């Protein structure tokens, strides 16, 4: 049974919601019949701010997983206790993100041809991306533009001053070091943008050169390590905001942010790391000394084999990774030994999360 308190709250005295009190107006806003909610887009058909704030509960019946309520304005609602539980305790259909283990690469490869014919395998691929921050697709087309075609099966592509897509090749007078044959230490892309691009895709058209392996680093795992083992470094890396700056011929981009950003619950949210682009403000000497020590330690961890994986993208392969969680890089390569050409683009987190959520609740 459940008790009504002043007709404004339901307080549950048993079952999974025991001890929880629910406001009558909160429940009234969640009526989901055709009169109150569009059944296709799930948007309300009325303005909730215009409801009588003194609405109360005239009658209710709680039996098993069902809750029936008659409100003082004459409307009746039928609620699922499970749905209420999911919202009250903020349950999500997404699993909790996992930091990497040694065998992560074995779980990362997905056959693109199979994905095109299997909804279950597509869900598995997107779920793994959510869990680990990246996936690698094989058996894709080797043609230019394939990265855009795949990205747009998920959602819209985000254009930047580099264009809708960018070609990662060695070329003269580049506006970014990615367009050279140099090795690139682990970094996140575009920390100078507002907002920072959420997800990056890189498709290999050809990779016949010696060297040029791809690297990925799990920023979540590094953050957890610092929090547990080197708290003084963790504290300053999560508290000091620094300036990220990039100058192109037609635009100058700047953004402030922490190297490691936490959410409102002090859990990992985002890592920004690009040593060629960051400028720490003129803090007092003691703070700067500690900051520089912490940034160096962060670099050491990012380049350590304990946190980095190394793999080779061959022609017809694509890697998609979370640019807020993972750092990426590459080993140097010899352009005289063969061609190396990757095409890349950006999409946002809501694209992939929205796609997965829709597939899971069908």
Protein backbone atom coordinates (compact mmCIF):
# COMPACT_ATOMS: atom_id res chain seq x y z
CA UNK A 1 0.00 0.00 0.00
CA UNK A 2 0.93 3.65 -0.39
CA UNK A 3 -0.05 6.63 1.75
CA UNK A 4 -1.25 10.04 0.61
CA UNK A 5 0.20 12.97 2.56
CA UNK A 6 -2.00 16.12 2.40
CA UNK A 7 -3.26 14.92 -1.00
CA UNK A 8 -0.14 16.52 -2.56
CA UNK A 9 2.33 13.65 -2.20
CA UNK A 10 2.30 9.90 -2.48
CA UNK A 11 4.71 8.30 -0.05
CA UNK A 12 5.46 4.63 -0.69
CA UNK A 13 5.61 2.41 2.37
CA UNK A 14 6.71 -0.79 0.63
CA UNK A 15 8.11 -2.08 -2.66
CA UNK A 16 11.02 -0.69 -4.70
CA UNK A 17 9.99 2.94 -4.04
CA UNK A 18 9.70 2.51 -0.28
CA UNK A 19 10.27 5.78 1.55
CA UNK A 20 10.04 7.84 -1.66
CA UNK A 21 7.54 10.71 -1.89
CA UNK A 22 6.25 11.82 -5.29
CA UNK A 23 4.67 15.21 -5.86
CA UNK A 24 1.22 15.25 -7.48
CA UNK A 25 2.22 17.86 -10.07
CA UNK A 26 5.35 15.85 -10.96
CA UNK A 27 3.11 12.86 -11.66
CA UNK A 28 0.49 14.96 -13.48
CA UNK A 29 3.16 16.19 -15.92
CA UNK A 30 3.90 12.59 -16.88
CA UNK A 31 0.52 11.64 -18.29
CA UNK A 32 1.32 9.78 -21.50
CA UNK A 33 -2.07 9.22 -23.19
CA UNK A 34 -2.91 10.63 -26.62
CA UNK A 35 -4.60 13.67 -25.12
CA UNK A 36 -1.45 14.81 -23.35
CA UNK A 37 1.48 13.41 -25.34
CA UNK A 38 2.19 13.15 -29.05
CA UNK A 39 2.60 9.43 -29.62
CA UNK A 40 5.27 9.85 -32.33
CA UNK A 41 7.66 12.50 -31.03
CA UNK A 42 6.68 12.17 -27.32
CA UNK A 43 6.33 15.94 -26.90
CA UNK A 44 3.69 17.35 -24.56
CA UNK A 45 0.56 18.69 -26.22
CA UNK A 46 0.09 21.32 -23.53
CA UNK A 47 2.19 23.82 -21.59
CA UNK A 48 2.98 22.31 -18.15
CA UNK A 49 3.68 25.74 -16.65
CA UNK A 50 -0.03 26.55 -17.07
CA UNK A 51 -1.19 23.63 -14.94
CA UNK A 52 -2.84 24.52 -11.64
CA UNK A 53 0.01 24.42 -9.14
CA UNK A 54 -2.47 23.29 -6.48
CA UNK A 55 -3.44 20.09 -8.29
CA UNK A 56 -3.87 17.29 -5.82
CA UNK A 57 -4.60 13.58 -5.82
CA UNK A 58 -8.23 12.62 -5.33
CA UNK A 59 -7.82 8.87 -5.63
CA UNK A 60 -5.11 6.32 -6.33
CA UNK A 61 -4.63 2.59 -6.64
CA UNK A 62 -1.21 0.96 -6.38
CA UNK A 63 -1.06 -2.68 -7.38
CA UNK A 64 2.15 -4.46 -8.36
CA UNK A 65 3.88 -2.53 -11.16
CA UNK A 66 0.88 -0.31 -11.82
CA UNK A 67 -0.17 2.98 -10.27
CA UNK A 68 -3.53 4.58 -11.17
CA UNK A 69 -4.20 8.18 -10.09
CA UNK A 70 -7.23 10.44 -10.44
CA UNK A 71 -6.18 14.10 -10.18
CA UNK A 72 -8.24 17.02 -8.91
CA UNK A 73 -8.60 18.45 -12.44
CA UNK A 74 -10.44 15.30 -13.51
CA UNK A 75 -7.57 13.70 -15.45
CA UNK A 76 -6.61 10.07 -14.86
CA UNK A 77 -3.13 8.62 -15.22
CA UNK A 78 -1.85 5.08 -15.37
CA UNK A 79 1.82 4.75 -14.49
CA UNK A 80 4.41 1.99 -14.56
CA UNK A 81 6.36 1.71 -11.31
CA UNK A 82 9.36 0.56 -13.36
CA UNK A 83 9.25 3.73 -15.47
CA UNK A 84 8.97 5.84 -12.32
CA UNK A 85 11.93 3.99 -10.80
CA UNK A 86 14.06 4.59 -13.90
CA UNK A 87 13.38 8.31 -13.76
CA UNK A 88 13.57 8.79 -10.01
CA UNK A 89 16.93 7.02 -9.74
CA UNK A 90 18.11 8.23 -13.16
CA UNK A 91 18.57 4.75 -14.57
CA UNK A 92 19.83 4.80 -18.14
CA UNK A 93 19.60 2.10 -20.75
CA UNK A 94 23.30 2.69 -21.44
CA UNK A 95 25.76 0.58 -19.46
CA UNK A 96 28.39 2.29 -17.30
CA UNK A 97 31.57 3.17 -19.18
CA UNK A 98 34.51 0.85 -18.57
CA UNK A 99 38.19 1.64 -18.52
CA UNK A 100 40.39 -0.52 -20.70
CA UNK A 101 41.99 -3.84 -20.00
CA UNK A 102 44.82 -5.50 -21.87
CA UNK A 103 42.60 -7.38 -24.31
CA UNK A 104 40.60 -4.34 -25.41
CA UNK A 105 41.59 -4.62 -29.08
CA UNK A 106 39.97 -8.07 -29.36
CA UNK A 107 36.59 -6.50 -28.61
CA UNK A 108 37.07 -3.47 -30.85
CA UNK A 109 36.89 -4.86 -34.40
CA UNK A 110 33.52 -4.96 -36.18
CA UNK A 111 32.85 -6.13 -39.73
CA UNK A 112 31.10 -3.29 -41.53
CA UNK A 113 29.47 -5.60 -44.07
CA UNK A 114 27.86 -7.56 -41.24
CA UNK A 115 26.63 -4.37 -39.56
CA UNK A 116 24.71 -3.41 -42.69
CA UNK A 117 22.58 -6.55 -42.45
CA UNK A 118 22.28 -7.03 -38.68
CA UNK A 119 20.54 -4.68 -36.26
CA UNK A 120 21.87 -6.71 -33.34
CA UNK A 121 25.49 -6.31 -34.48
CA UNK A 122 24.96 -2.57 -35.01
CA UNK A 123 23.69 -2.25 -31.45
CA UNK A 124 26.69 -4.25 -30.23
CA UNK A 125 29.06 -1.93 -32.09
CA UNK A 126 27.47 1.25 -30.71
CA UNK A 127 27.31 -0.22 -27.20
CA UNK A 128 31.04 -1.06 -27.34
CA UNK A 129 31.74 2.48 -28.48
CA UNK A 130 29.86 3.79 -25.45
CA UNK A 131 31.65 1.40 -23.10
CA UNK A 132 35.23 1.81 -24.29
CA UNK A 133 35.26 5.04 -26.29
CA UNK A 134 36.22 3.60 -29.67
CA UNK A 135 35.51 0.96 -32.29
CA UNK A 136 37.39 -0.19 -35.39
CA UNK A 137 35.43 -1.13 -38.52
CA UNK A 138 36.83 -3.49 -41.15
CA UNK A 139 35.72 -4.45 -44.68
CA UNK A 140 34.70 -0.93 -45.63
CA UNK A 141 35.07 0.68 -49.03
CA UNK A 142 38.56 1.88 -49.90
CA UNK A 143 37.18 4.86 -51.83
CA UNK A 144 37.45 8.51 -50.88
CA UNK A 145 34.33 9.85 -49.17
CA UNK A 146 33.49 6.58 -47.41
CA UNK A 147 34.00 8.23 -44.01
CA UNK A 148 31.27 10.79 -44.75
CA UNK A 149 28.86 8.13 -46.02
CA UNK A 150 29.31 6.08 -42.85
CA UNK A 151 29.15 9.09 -40.52
CA UNK A 152 25.89 10.24 -42.06
CA UNK A 153 24.28 6.86 -41.36
CA UNK A 154 24.61 7.93 -37.72
CA UNK A 155 23.72 11.60 -38.09
CA UNK A 156 24.93 14.99 -39.35
CA UNK A 157 28.63 15.70 -39.79
CA UNK A 158 30.15 18.75 -38.09
CA UNK A 159 32.06 21.02 -40.46
CA UNK A 160 35.06 23.07 -39.30
CA UNK A 161 37.55 25.43 -40.93
CA UNK A 162 39.20 22.22 -42.21
CA UNK A 163 35.98 21.46 -44.11
CA UNK A 164 33.29 18.79 -43.84
CA UNK A 165 36.11 16.24 -43.98
CA UNK A 166 39.88 16.46 -43.93
CA UNK A 167 42.64 14.53 -45.68
CA UNK A 168 45.42 13.28 -43.42
CA UNK A 169 48.36 13.17 -45.81
CA UNK A 170 51.85 14.60 -45.85
CA UNK A 171 51.83 17.88 -47.76
CA UNK A 172 53.98 21.02 -48.04
CA UNK A 173 53.30 24.05 -45.84
CA UNK A 174 50.59 22.36 -43.74
CA UNK A 175 48.30 24.34 -41.41
CA UNK A 176 48.44 21.46 -38.91
CA UNK A 177 51.17 18.99 -37.94
CA UNK A 178 48.77 16.13 -38.68
CA UNK A 179 49.44 16.82 -42.36
CA UNK A 180 53.10 15.85 -42.09
CA UNK A 181 54.96 12.55 -41.73
CA UNK A 182 55.95 13.38 -38.15
CA UNK A 183 54.98 11.15 -35.28
CA UNK A 184 52.21 12.66 -33.18
CA UNK A 185 52.17 12.16 -29.43
CA UNK A 186 48.79 11.39 -27.84
CA UNK A 187 46.48 14.40 -27.94
CA UNK A 188 42.85 15.40 -28.23
CA UNK A 189 41.67 17.27 -31.31
CA UNK A 190 40.50 20.87 -31.42
CA UNK A 191 40.55 21.81 -27.71
CA UNK A 192 40.38 25.41 -28.93
CA UNK A 193 36.83 25.02 -30.32
CA UNK A 194 33.50 25.84 -28.62
CA UNK A 195 32.39 23.15 -28.12
CA UNK A 196 35.23 20.70 -28.64
CA UNK A 197 34.19 18.15 -31.32
CA UNK A 198 32.83 15.08 -29.58
CA UNK A 199 33.68 12.18 -31.88
CA UNK A 200 36.29 11.73 -34.60
CA UNK A 201 36.25 9.22 -37.44
CA UNK A 202 39.35 8.30 -39.46
CA UNK A 203 39.06 6.12 -42.57
CA UNK A 204 42.11 4.56 -44.17
CA UNK A 205 42.15 4.82 -47.96
CA UNK A 206 45.71 3.57 -48.35
CA UNK A 207 48.57 2.85 -45.93
CA UNK A 208 51.58 1.39 -47.74
CA UNK A 209 54.21 3.46 -45.95
CA UNK A 210 56.59 2.14 -43.33
CA UNK A 211 55.40 3.26 -39.91
CA UNK A 212 52.29 5.33 -39.35
CA UNK A 213 50.61 3.08 -36.79
CA UNK A 214 47.68 4.56 -34.87
CA UNK A 215 47.68 4.97 -31.09
CA UNK A 216 44.87 5.48 -28.58
CA UNK A 217 44.97 6.28 -24.86
CA UNK A 218 42.12 6.02 -22.36
CA UNK A 219 41.80 9.35 -20.55
CA UNK A 220 39.24 7.83 -18.17
CA UNK A 221 41.74 5.23 -16.98
CA UNK A 222 44.49 7.84 -16.55
CA UNK A 223 42.16 10.10 -14.57
CA UNK A 224 41.19 7.27 -12.24
CA UNK A 225 44.86 6.38 -11.78
CA UNK A 226 45.83 9.96 -10.86
CA UNK A 227 42.87 10.32 -8.50
CA UNK A 228 43.88 7.16 -6.65
CA UNK A 229 47.67 7.38 -6.72
CA UNK A 230 48.77 10.99 -7.30
CA UNK A 231 46.00 13.13 -5.88
CA UNK A 232 48.06 16.35 -5.79
CA UNK A 233 48.46 16.17 -9.57
CA UNK A 234 44.83 15.20 -10.05
CA UNK A 235 43.67 18.21 -8.02
CA UNK A 236 45.57 20.83 -9.98
CA UNK A 237 44.84 19.28 -13.38
CA UNK A 238 41.11 19.36 -12.58
CA UNK A 239 41.10 22.91 -11.19
CA UNK A 240 43.31 25.15 -13.36
CA UNK A 241 41.76 26.51 -16.56
CA UNK A 242 44.18 27.08 -19.42
CA UNK A 243 43.89 28.74 -22.81
CA UNK A 244 43.94 26.69 -26.02
CA UNK A 245 44.84 28.69 -29.11
CA UNK A 246 44.93 27.91 -32.84
CA UNK A 247 45.62 30.32 -35.70
CA UNK A 248 44.74 29.57 -39.32
CA UNK A 249 44.97 31.96 -42.26
CA UNK A 250 41.29 32.94 -41.98
CA UNK A 251 40.45 32.36 -38.33
CA UNK A 252 41.90 32.49 -34.81
CA UNK A 253 40.23 30.06 -32.41
CA UNK A 254 40.48 30.15 -28.61
CA UNK A 255 38.85 28.30 -25.74
CA UNK A 256 39.48 27.93 -22.02
CA UNK A 257 39.25 24.61 -20.23
CA UNK A 258 40.79 22.26 -17.72
CA UNK A 259 43.16 19.52 -18.84
CA UNK A 260 40.87 17.12 -16.97
CA UNK A 261 37.29 18.23 -16.49
CA UNK A 262 34.92 16.66 -13.95
CA UNK A 263 31.13 16.68 -13.95
CA UNK A 264 28.86 17.95 -11.16
CA UNK A 265 29.37 14.67 -9.28
CA UNK A 266 33.18 14.90 -9.55
CA UNK A 267 33.36 12.09 -12.07
CA UNK A 268 35.41 12.16 -15.26
CA UNK A 269 33.81 14.23 -18.03
CA UNK A 270 36.49 15.28 -20.52
CA UNK A 271 40.21 15.42 -21.13
CA UNK A 272 41.89 18.14 -23.18
CA UNK A 273 45.53 17.60 -24.00
CA UNK A 274 47.50 19.16 -26.82
CA UNK A 275 50.87 20.42 -25.68
CA UNK A 276 51.49 22.43 -28.83
CA UNK A 277 48.37 24.52 -28.28
CA UNK A 278 47.99 25.19 -24.54
CA UNK A 279 48.90 28.31 -22.56
CA UNK A 280 48.65 28.24 -18.78
CA UNK A 281 47.86 31.62 -17.16
CA UNK A 282 50.40 33.44 -14.98
CA UNK A 283 49.59 31.71 -11.70
CA UNK A 284 51.76 32.23 -8.63
CA UNK A 285 55.15 30.46 -8.87
CA UNK A 286 54.18 27.65 -6.48
CA UNK A 287 51.05 26.83 -8.45
CA UNK A 288 52.91 26.94 -11.76
CA UNK A 289 55.63 24.66 -10.47
CA UNK A 290 53.03 22.08 -9.43
CA UNK A 291 51.05 22.53 -12.65
CA UNK A 292 54.10 21.93 -14.85
CA UNK A 293 55.00 18.85 -12.82
CA UNK A 294 51.44 17.56 -13.17
CA UNK A 295 51.29 18.24 -16.92
CA UNK A 296 54.59 16.43 -17.41
CA UNK A 297 53.28 13.50 -15.39
CA UNK A 298 50.12 13.47 -17.50
CA UNK A 299 52.27 13.33 -20.64
CA UNK A 300 54.30 10.46 -19.18
CA UNK A 301 51.15 8.46 -18.47
CA UNK A 302 49.67 9.21 -21.90
CA UNK A 303 52.80 7.91 -23.63
CA UNK A 304 53.16 4.87 -21.37
CA UNK A 305 52.47 1.39 -22.72
CA UNK A 306 50.38 0.81 -19.60
CA UNK A 307 47.72 3.15 -20.99
CA UNK A 308 48.31 3.16 -24.76
CA UNK A 309 47.32 0.74 -27.49
CA UNK A 310 49.07 0.60 -30.86
CA UNK A 311 47.46 -0.78 -34.01
CA UNK A 312 47.62 -0.35 -37.76
CA UNK A 313 44.83 0.93 -39.94
CA UNK A 314 44.90 -0.82 -43.29
CA UNK A 315 43.08 0.20 -46.43
CA UNK A 316 39.31 -0.14 -45.93
CA UNK A 317 39.42 0.21 -42.13
CA UNK A 318 37.92 2.99 -40.00
CA UNK A 319 38.40 3.98 -36.37
CA UNK A 320 35.75 6.00 -34.52
CA UNK A 321 36.75 7.39 -31.12
CA UNK A 322 35.46 9.68 -28.38
CA UNK A 323 37.50 12.89 -28.60
CA UNK A 324 36.41 13.90 -25.08
CA UNK A 325 37.64 10.66 -23.53
CA UNK A 326 40.48 9.31 -25.68
CA UNK A 327 43.76 10.74 -26.82
CA UNK A 328 45.02 9.66 -30.21
CA UNK A 329 48.29 9.83 -32.09
CA UNK A 330 50.48 8.00 -34.56
CA UNK A 331 54.01 6.81 -35.04
CA UNK A 332 56.13 8.61 -37.62
CA UNK A 333 56.26 7.20 -41.11
CA UNK A 334 58.43 7.39 -44.22
CA UNK A 335 56.46 8.94 -47.11
CA UNK A 336 59.11 7.77 -49.59
CA UNK A 337 58.32 4.13 -48.72
CA UNK A 338 54.68 4.30 -49.85
CA UNK A 339 51.45 6.26 -49.72
CA UNK A 340 49.50 6.95 -46.53
CA UNK A 341 46.12 8.64 -46.90
CA UNK A 342 43.39 8.88 -44.27
CA UNK A 343 40.18 10.89 -44.42
CA UNK A 344 38.50 12.12 -41.27
CA UNK A 345 35.46 13.99 -40.01
CA UNK A 346 33.67 14.89 -36.79
CA UNK A 347 30.24 14.11 -35.38
CA UNK A 348 28.77 14.85 -31.95
CA UNK A 349 27.93 12.63 -28.99
CA UNK A 350 24.18 13.15 -29.25
CA UNK A 351 24.32 11.63 -32.75
CA UNK A 352 25.71 8.28 -31.58
CA UNK A 353 23.91 8.24 -28.23
CA UNK A 354 20.62 9.11 -29.88
CA UNK A 355 21.08 6.38 -32.49
CA UNK A 356 21.82 3.76 -29.84
CA UNK A 357 18.97 4.86 -27.60
CA UNK A 358 16.50 4.66 -30.48
CA UNK A 359 17.69 1.16 -31.42
CA UNK A 360 17.48 -0.05 -27.82
CA UNK A 361 13.94 1.16 -27.14
CA UNK A 362 12.35 0.01 -30.44
